Amino acid sequence: MSEKLLRIGTTYIPVTNVEISSDWYVNKLGAELNYKDEDKAILNLANQSIFLVKSNENQSSNFIDIYGQERFSLTFEVNGLDALEAVHKDFIENEIRVGDIENRGHSGRNFIFYDLDNNKFDVWSELSPIFKEKYLISQ
């Protein structure tokens, strides 16, 4: 079977205040704002289009797994452990709610962080091989 789905182009994230959230993503995560109105903001972040969509309070992109644990729906990648530690430190200095750097029993290390609406995200220290090859990134 040939590959038909080529990439994830857009991710939608629920937020309660588009203005405040888009400023947070731009100033805290380095996103680039492409468009904003009262209902949505369109950002470029981590080689992807992110839509912040105005939603009711207590909405999030998180879900509960079969063990009752809250899970994230997105993992961002950085290039190696040094980069992971630098991003973790930067997030702490920028007063972003973060978890500890973890060893989850697979290659690399991870940590979680949250946005203003408690959307939970993961950061992993390993870039995918296809991404590295495409963008000629070496360790």
Protein backbone atom coordinates (compact mmCIF):
# COMPACT_ATOMS: atom_id res chain seq x y z
CA MET A 1 0.00 0.00 0.00
CA SER A 2 1.39 3.38 -0.92
CA GLU A 3 1.38 6.16 1.63
CA LYS A 4 -1.61 8.45 1.13
CA LEU A 5 -1.57 10.67 4.21
CA LEU A 6 1.59 12.73 3.87
CA ARG A 7 1.68 14.80 7.06
CA ILE A 8 -0.38 16.41 9.75
CA GLY A 9 -0.96 19.91 8.48
CA THR A 10 -3.05 21.48 11.23
CA THR A 11 -3.74 20.84 14.88
CA TYR A 12 -6.70 22.46 16.63
CA ILE A 13 -6.35 23.46 20.29
CA PRO A 14 -9.27 24.71 22.39
CA VAL A 15 -8.73 27.98 24.29
CA THR A 16 -11.04 30.22 26.27
CA ASN A 17 -9.50 33.53 25.20
CA VAL A 18 -8.01 33.72 21.71
CA GLU A 19 -6.28 37.07 22.30
CA ILE A 20 -4.54 36.08 25.54
CA SER A 21 -3.72 32.55 24.37
CA SER A 22 -2.27 33.63 21.04
CA ASP A 23 -0.05 36.15 22.85
CA TRP A 24 1.07 33.38 25.23
CA TYR A 25 1.96 30.99 22.37
CA VAL A 26 3.86 33.75 20.55
CA ASN A 27 5.71 35.09 23.60
CA LYS A 28 6.30 31.87 25.54
CA LEU A 29 6.73 29.26 22.78
CA GLY A 30 7.99 31.41 19.91
CA ALA A 31 5.02 30.73 17.63
CA GLU A 32 4.46 32.98 14.61
CA LEU A 33 1.00 34.55 14.41
CA ASN A 34 -0.49 34.37 10.90
CA TYR A 35 -4.11 35.35 11.53
CA LYS A 36 -6.39 36.21 14.43
CA ASP A 37 -10.03 37.09 14.90
CA GLU A 38 -12.38 36.76 17.87
CA ASP A 39 -12.95 33.03 17.29
CA LYS A 40 -9.53 31.70 16.29
CA ALA A 41 -5.85 32.36 15.84
CA ILE A 42 -3.65 30.62 13.28
CA LEU A 43 -0.05 30.08 14.33
CA ASN A 44 3.06 28.50 12.83
CA LEU A 45 4.75 26.41 15.51
CA ALA A 46 7.14 23.47 15.20
CA ASN A 47 6.71 23.14 11.42
CA GLN A 48 2.96 22.92 11.73
CA SER A 49 -0.11 25.12 11.57
CA ILE A 50 -1.80 25.42 14.96
CA PHE A 51 -5.35 26.77 15.25
CA LEU A 52 -6.32 28.14 18.64
CA VAL A 53 -10.11 27.87 18.65
CA LYS A 54 -12.34 29.72 21.10
CA SER A 55 -14.07 27.10 23.23
CA ASN A 56 -16.06 26.83 26.42
CA GLU A 57 -14.23 26.74 29.74
CA ASN A 58 -12.88 23.39 30.92
CA GLN A 59 -12.30 22.14 27.35
CA SER A 60 -8.88 20.79 26.54
CA SER A 61 -7.10 18.58 24.06
CA ASN A 62 -6.23 16.17 26.89
CA PHE A 63 -7.87 12.80 27.40
CA ILE A 64 -8.03 10.16 30.12
CA ASP A 65 -6.51 6.75 29.35
CA ILE A 66 -7.89 3.40 30.58
CA TYR A 67 -5.86 3.73 33.79
CA GLY A 68 -7.40 7.09 34.68
CA GLN A 69 -4.28 9.09 33.75
CA GLU A 70 -4.61 12.40 31.93
CA ARG A 71 -2.74 12.20 28.62
CA PHE A 72 -1.47 14.75 26.11
CA SER A 73 -2.36 14.66 22.44
CA LEU A 74 0.84 16.23 21.05
CA THR A 75 4.54 15.58 21.48
CA PHE A 76 7.02 18.21 20.32
CA GLU A 77 10.51 17.03 19.39
CA VAL A 78 13.87 18.69 20.06
CA ASN A 79 17.31 17.62 18.87
CA GLY A 80 18.86 15.77 21.78
CA LEU A 81 19.07 15.82 25.57
CA ASP A 82 20.98 19.11 25.73
CA ALA A 83 18.23 20.80 23.70
CA LEU A 84 15.56 19.22 25.91
CA GLU A 85 17.26 20.50 29.05
CA ALA A 86 17.66 23.98 27.53
CA VAL A 87 13.98 24.16 26.53
CA HIS A 88 12.93 22.88 29.97
CA LYS A 89 15.04 25.57 31.66
CA ASP A 90 13.70 28.26 29.31
CA PHE A 91 10.10 27.23 30.01
CA ILE A 92 10.70 27.41 33.76
CA GLU A 93 12.29 30.87 33.40
CA ASN A 94 9.27 31.95 31.32
CA GLU A 95 6.91 30.73 34.05
CA ILE A 96 5.39 27.96 31.96
CA ARG A 97 3.94 25.12 34.04
CA VAL A 98 6.25 22.16 33.40
CA GLY A 99 6.87 18.69 34.78
CA ASP A 100 10.22 17.13 35.56
CA ILE A 101 12.42 15.62 32.86
CA GLU A 102 11.52 11.92 32.82
CA ASN A 103 12.94 8.61 31.71
CA ARG A 104 9.91 6.71 30.39
CA GLY A 105 11.82 3.56 29.49
CA HIS A 106 12.31 4.31 25.79
CA SER A 107 15.03 6.22 23.97
CA GLY A 108 15.44 9.83 24.94
CA ARG A 109 13.86 11.83 27.73
CA ASN A 110 10.62 13.79 27.99
CA PHE A 111 8.82 16.44 29.98
CA ILE A 112 5.31 17.81 29.89
CA PHE A 113 4.07 21.38 29.91
CA TYR A 114 0.71 23.13 29.96
CA ASP A 115 -0.72 26.20 28.26
CA LEU A 116 -3.07 28.72 29.91
CA ASP A 117 -6.11 26.46 29.37
CA ASN A 118 -4.40 23.37 30.82
CA ASN A 119 -3.84 21.78 27.43
CA LYS A 120 -1.09 19.29 28.20
CA PHE A 121 1.84 18.81 25.79
CA ASP A 122 4.90 16.60 25.75
CA VAL A 123 8.46 17.40 24.68
CA TRP A 124 10.78 14.55 23.59
CA SER A 125 14.54 14.71 23.14
CA GLU A 126 14.56 12.61 19.95
CA LEU A 127 13.93 13.94 16.46
CA SER A 128 12.34 11.48 14.06
CA PRO A 129 14.86 10.04 11.56
CA ILE A 130 12.79 11.19 8.57
CA PHE A 131 12.74 14.78 9.87
CA LYS A 132 16.49 14.71 10.53
CA GLU A 133 17.19 13.37 7.05
CA LYS A 134 14.88 15.83 5.32
CA TYR A 135 16.34 18.84 7.09
CA LEU A 136 19.92 17.49 7.19
CA ILE A 137 20.18 17.72 10.96
CA SER A 138 23.11 15.91 12.53
CA GLN A 139 23.66 15.13 16.19
